[in-house]
Amino acid sequence: MFKSVNQQPRRSEERDGMDRGTVGSAQSGRLLVEVREEGLSAVVTPAGELDHHTADLLREPLEDCIERGFARLVVDCSRLEFCDSTGLNVLLGARLKAESVGGGVHLAGMLPVVARVFEITGAEAVFTVHDTLDAALRE
């Protein structure tokens, strides 16, 4: 059984004069990830900003769910405030891994700003998208 986990961004080295370790502070949009089991699904809830600096904080739990035998992943996007192309690639990679073991990735409750990224890129066509988490879990 999964427990709720909050993963904090790891401190990285300073590059280009910017302290990358400050990414993830409350002021700059920390990404917290919660994972729980709901029947045969693993529900992964990222909260905050999914981008180049925080992508591994979501990638690792998604891959861990698949390794634990959860082929059906439901990503509750209702608390995801931002997603860039790196974040999109994390979700696409999880989709491919889940499909390779007979499952899939379902996205639920996307805020308009995140849904727009999927619409612009056409990625909404390769995911099963649900308006709410409850709808995703009922399917």
C-alpha atoms as a PDB file:
ATOM      1  CA  MET A   1       0.000   0.000   0.000  1.00  0.00           C
ATOM      2  CA  PHE A   2       1.222   3.490  -0.805  1.00  0.00           C
ATOM      3  CA  LYS A   3       1.625   6.195   1.757  1.00  0.00           C
ATOM      4  CA  SER A   4       1.295   9.874   1.108  1.00  0.00           C
ATOM      5  CA  VAL A   5       4.676  11.327   0.387  1.00  0.00           C
ATOM      6  CA  ASN A   6       5.808  14.863  -0.043  1.00  0.00           C
ATOM      7  CA  GLN A   7       8.978  15.071  -1.994  1.00  0.00           C
ATOM      8  CA  GLN A   8      11.047  18.186  -1.621  1.00  0.00           C
ATOM      9  CA  PRO A   9      13.208  19.403  -4.467  1.00  0.00           C
ATOM     10  CA  ARG A  10      16.833  18.390  -4.107  1.00  0.00           C
ATOM     11  CA  ARG A  11      19.409  21.126  -3.736  1.00  0.00           C
ATOM     12  CA  SER A  12      21.538  21.365  -6.833  1.00  0.00           C
ATOM     13  CA  GLU A  13      24.762  23.182  -7.540  1.00  0.00           C
ATOM     14  CA  GLU A  14      24.816  26.832  -8.448  1.00  0.00           C
ATOM     15  CA  ARG A  15      24.972  27.371 -12.195  1.00  0.00           C
ATOM     16  CA  ASP A  16      25.097  30.513 -14.267  1.00  0.00           C
ATOM     17  CA  GLY A  17      25.073  32.636 -11.126  1.00  0.00           C
ATOM     18  CA  MET A  18      21.631  31.386 -10.145  1.00  0.00           C
ATOM     19  CA  ASP A  19      21.057  29.413  -7.002  1.00  0.00           C
ATOM     20  CA  ARG A  20      19.018  26.504  -8.337  1.00  0.00           C
ATOM     21  CA  GLY A  21      18.440  25.369  -4.758  1.00  0.00           C
ATOM     22  CA  THR A  22      15.974  28.200  -4.272  1.00  0.00           C
ATOM     23  CA  VAL A  23      13.701  26.673  -6.876  1.00  0.00           C
ATOM     24  CA  GLY A  24      11.120  24.857  -4.844  1.00  0.00           C
ATOM     25  CA  SER A  25      10.774  27.419  -2.099  1.00  0.00           C
ATOM     26  CA  ALA A  26       7.236  28.388  -1.169  1.00  0.00           C
ATOM     27  CA  GLN A  27       7.679  31.674  -3.023  1.00  0.00           C
ATOM     28  CA  SER A  28       8.858  30.107  -6.271  1.00  0.00           C
ATOM     29  CA  GLY A  29       6.472  27.197  -6.644  1.00  0.00           C
ATOM     30  CA  ARG A  30       7.583  24.047  -4.890  1.00  0.00           C
ATOM     31  CA  LEU A  31       6.341  20.804  -6.394  1.00  0.00           C
ATOM     32  CA  LEU A  32       4.952  18.386  -3.864  1.00  0.00           C
ATOM     33  CA  VAL A  33       3.872  14.922  -4.943  1.00  0.00           C
ATOM     34  CA  GLU A  34       1.428  12.670  -3.113  1.00  0.00           C
ATOM     35  CA  VAL A  35       0.969   9.029  -4.068  1.00  0.00           C
ATOM     36  CA  ARG A  36      -1.823   6.780  -2.863  1.00  0.00           C
ATOM     37  CA  GLU A  37      -3.563   3.587  -3.835  1.00  0.00           C
ATOM     38  CA  GLU A  38      -7.202   3.629  -4.988  1.00  0.00           C
ATOM     39  CA  GLY A  39      -8.333   0.132  -5.884  1.00  0.00           C
ATOM     40  CA  LEU A  40      -6.263  -1.026  -8.842  1.00  0.00           C
ATOM     41  CA  SER A  41      -4.987   2.476  -9.572  1.00  0.00           C
ATOM     42  CA  ALA A  42      -2.135   4.515  -8.203  1.00  0.00           C
ATOM     43  CA  VAL A  43      -3.212   8.125  -7.781  1.00  0.00           C
ATOM     44  CA  VAL A  44      -0.358  10.593  -8.145  1.00  0.00           C
ATOM     45  CA  THR A  45      -1.088  14.191  -7.179  1.00  0.00           C
ATOM     46  CA  PRO A  46       1.482  16.824  -8.087  1.00  0.00           C
ATOM     47  CA  ALA A  47       0.927  20.232  -6.491  1.00  0.00           C
ATOM     48  CA  GLY A  48       2.753  23.326  -7.656  1.00  0.00           C
ATOM     49  CA  GLU A  49       4.884  23.856 -10.745  1.00  0.00           C
ATOM     50  CA  LEU A  50       6.103  21.047 -12.986  1.00  0.00           C
ATOM     51  CA  ASP A  51       9.080  22.223 -14.995  1.00  0.00           C
ATOM     52  CA  HIS A  52      12.716  21.535 -15.827  1.00  0.00           C
ATOM     53  CA  HIS A  53      13.773  21.995 -12.198  1.00  0.00           C
ATOM     54  CA  THR A  54      11.081  19.819 -10.618  1.00  0.00           C
ATOM     55  CA  ALA A  55      10.400  17.157 -13.266  1.00  0.00           C
ATOM     56  CA  ASP A  56      12.293  14.383 -11.453  1.00  0.00           C
ATOM     57  CA  LEU A  57      10.080  14.900  -8.410  1.00  0.00           C
ATOM     58  CA  LEU A  58       7.192  13.574 -10.505  1.00  0.00           C
ATOM     59  CA  ARG A  59       9.118  11.171 -12.760  1.00  0.00           C
ATOM     60  CA  GLU A  60      10.440   9.090  -9.867  1.00  0.00           C
ATOM     61  CA  PRO A  61       7.087   8.351  -8.176  1.00  0.00           C
ATOM     62  CA  LEU A  62       5.430   7.592 -11.537  1.00  0.00           C
ATOM     63  CA  GLU A  63       8.162   5.094 -12.416  1.00  0.00           C
ATOM     64  CA  ASP A  64       8.026   3.644  -8.901  1.00  0.00           C
ATOM     65  CA  CYS A  65       4.278   3.017  -9.252  1.00  0.00           C
ATOM     66  CA  ILE A  66       4.837   1.088 -12.469  1.00  0.00           C
ATOM     67  CA  GLU A  67       7.676  -0.907 -10.901  1.00  0.00           C
ATOM     68  CA  ARG A  68       5.352  -1.797  -8.004  1.00  0.00           C
ATOM     69  CA  GLY A  69       2.870  -3.270 -10.450  1.00  0.00           C
ATOM     70  CA  PHE A  70       0.432  -0.398 -10.944  1.00  0.00           C
ATOM     71  CA  ALA A  71      -0.116  -0.237 -14.684  1.00  0.00           C
ATOM     72  CA  ARG A  72      -3.031   2.199 -14.298  1.00  0.00           C
ATOM     73  CA  LEU A  73      -1.879   5.601 -13.142  1.00  0.00           C
ATOM     74  CA  VAL A  74      -4.245   8.453 -12.419  1.00  0.00           C
ATOM     75  CA  VAL A  75      -2.553  11.837 -12.239  1.00  0.00           C
ATOM     76  CA  ASP A  76      -4.726  14.264 -10.301  1.00  0.00           C
ATOM     77  CA  CYS A  77      -3.776  17.575 -11.905  1.00  0.00           C
ATOM     78  CA  SER A  78      -6.199  19.691  -9.874  1.00  0.00           C
ATOM     79  CA  ARG A  79      -3.347  21.222  -7.847  1.00  0.00           C
ATOM     80  CA  LEU A  80      -0.873  21.496 -10.716  1.00  0.00           C
ATOM     81  CA  GLU A  81      -0.430  25.218 -11.374  1.00  0.00           C
ATOM     82  CA  PHE A  82       2.058  25.067 -14.256  1.00  0.00           C
ATOM     83  CA  CYS A  83       3.466  22.503 -16.669  1.00  0.00           C
ATOM     84  CA  ASP A  84       6.161  23.132 -19.259  1.00  0.00           C
ATOM     85  CA  SER A  85       7.470  20.879 -22.019  1.00  0.00           C
ATOM     86  CA  THR A  86       9.753  19.012 -19.615  1.00  0.00           C
ATOM     87  CA  GLY A  87       6.783  18.189 -17.405  1.00  0.00           C
ATOM     88  CA  LEU A  88       4.789  17.125 -20.431  1.00  0.00           C
ATOM     89  CA  ASN A  89       7.628  14.797 -21.431  1.00  0.00           C
ATOM     90  CA  VAL A  90       7.601  13.218 -17.952  1.00  0.00           C
ATOM     91  CA  LEU A  91       3.913  12.399 -18.360  1.00  0.00           C
ATOM     92  CA  LEU A  92       4.429  11.131 -21.909  1.00  0.00           C
ATOM     93  CA  GLY A  93       7.264   8.889 -20.724  1.00  0.00           C
ATOM     94  CA  ALA A  94       5.094   7.489 -17.932  1.00  0.00           C
ATOM     95  CA  ARG A  95       2.348   6.842 -20.470  1.00  0.00           C
ATOM     96  CA  LEU A  96       4.693   4.800 -22.665  1.00  0.00           C
ATOM     97  CA  LYS A  97       5.951   2.765 -19.706  1.00  0.00           C
ATOM     98  CA  ALA A  98       2.432   2.138 -18.423  1.00  0.00           C
ATOM     99  CA  GLU A  99       1.219   1.097 -21.874  1.00  0.00           C
ATOM    100  CA  SER A 100       4.167  -1.284 -22.236  1.00  0.00           C
ATOM    101  CA  VAL A 101       2.783  -3.251 -19.273  1.00  0.00           C
ATOM    102  CA  GLY A 102      -0.842  -3.113 -20.453  1.00  0.00           C
ATOM    103  CA  GLY A 103      -1.928   0.017 -18.584  1.00  0.00           C
ATOM    104  CA  GLY A 104      -2.196   3.712 -19.122  1.00  0.00           C
ATOM    105  CA  VAL A 105      -2.038   7.177 -17.652  1.00  0.00           C
ATOM    106  CA  HIS A 106      -5.244   9.043 -16.947  1.00  0.00           C
ATOM    107  CA  LEU A 107      -5.180  12.790 -16.299  1.00  0.00           C
ATOM    108  CA  ALA A 108      -7.838  14.360 -14.121  1.00  0.00           C
ATOM    109  CA  GLY A 109      -8.952  17.818 -13.091  1.00  0.00           C
ATOM    110  CA  MET A 110      -6.561  19.914 -15.156  1.00  0.00           C
ATOM    111  CA  LEU A 111      -6.622  23.635 -14.498  1.00  0.00           C
ATOM    112  CA  PRO A 112      -7.125  25.710 -17.671  1.00  0.00           C
ATOM    113  CA  VAL A 113      -3.498  26.895 -17.783  1.00  0.00           C
ATOM    114  CA  VAL A 114      -2.253  23.286 -17.755  1.00  0.00           C
ATOM    115  CA  ALA A 115      -4.960  22.028 -20.094  1.00  0.00           C
ATOM    116  CA  ARG A 116      -3.871  24.682 -22.599  1.00  0.00           C
ATOM    117  CA  VAL A 117      -0.361  23.156 -22.809  1.00  0.00           C
ATOM    118  CA  PHE A 118      -1.885  19.790 -23.667  1.00  0.00           C
ATOM    119  CA  GLU A 119      -4.238  21.396 -26.193  1.00  0.00           C
ATOM    120  CA  ILE A 120      -1.507  23.410 -27.944  1.00  0.00           C
ATOM    121  CA  THR A 121       0.847  20.429 -28.230  1.00  0.00           C
ATOM    122  CA  GLY A 122      -1.837  17.921 -29.171  1.00  0.00           C
ATOM    123  CA  ALA A 123      -0.879  15.767 -26.184  1.00  0.00           C
ATOM    124  CA  GLU A 124      -4.489  15.673 -25.015  1.00  0.00           C
ATOM    125  CA  ALA A 125      -5.135  13.239 -27.870  1.00  0.00           C
ATOM    126  CA  VAL A 126      -2.783  10.592 -26.453  1.00  0.00           C
ATOM    127  CA  PHE A 127      -4.018  10.692 -22.857  1.00  0.00           C
ATOM    128  CA  THR A 128      -7.334   9.781 -21.358  1.00  0.00           C
ATOM    129  CA  VAL A 129      -8.432  13.079 -19.823  1.00  0.00           C
ATOM    130  CA  HIS A 130     -11.167  13.356 -17.196  1.00  0.00           C
ATOM    131  CA  ASP A 131     -12.819  16.458 -15.769  1.00  0.00           C
ATOM    132  CA  THR A 132     -12.503  15.193 -12.198  1.00  0.00           C
ATOM    133  CA  LEU A 133     -10.574  12.653 -10.160  1.00  0.00           C
ATOM    134  CA  ASP A 134     -13.812  10.856  -9.317  1.00  0.00           C
ATOM    135  CA  ALA A 135     -14.576  10.433 -13.018  1.00  0.00           C
ATOM    136  CA  ALA A 136     -11.090   9.033 -13.637  1.00  0.00           C
ATOM    137  CA  LEU A 137     -11.452   6.540 -10.793  1.00  0.00           C
ATOM    138  CA  ARG A 138     -14.915   5.395 -11.963  1.00  0.00           C
ATOM    139  CA  GLU A 139     -13.672   4.405 -15.418  1.00  0.00           C
END
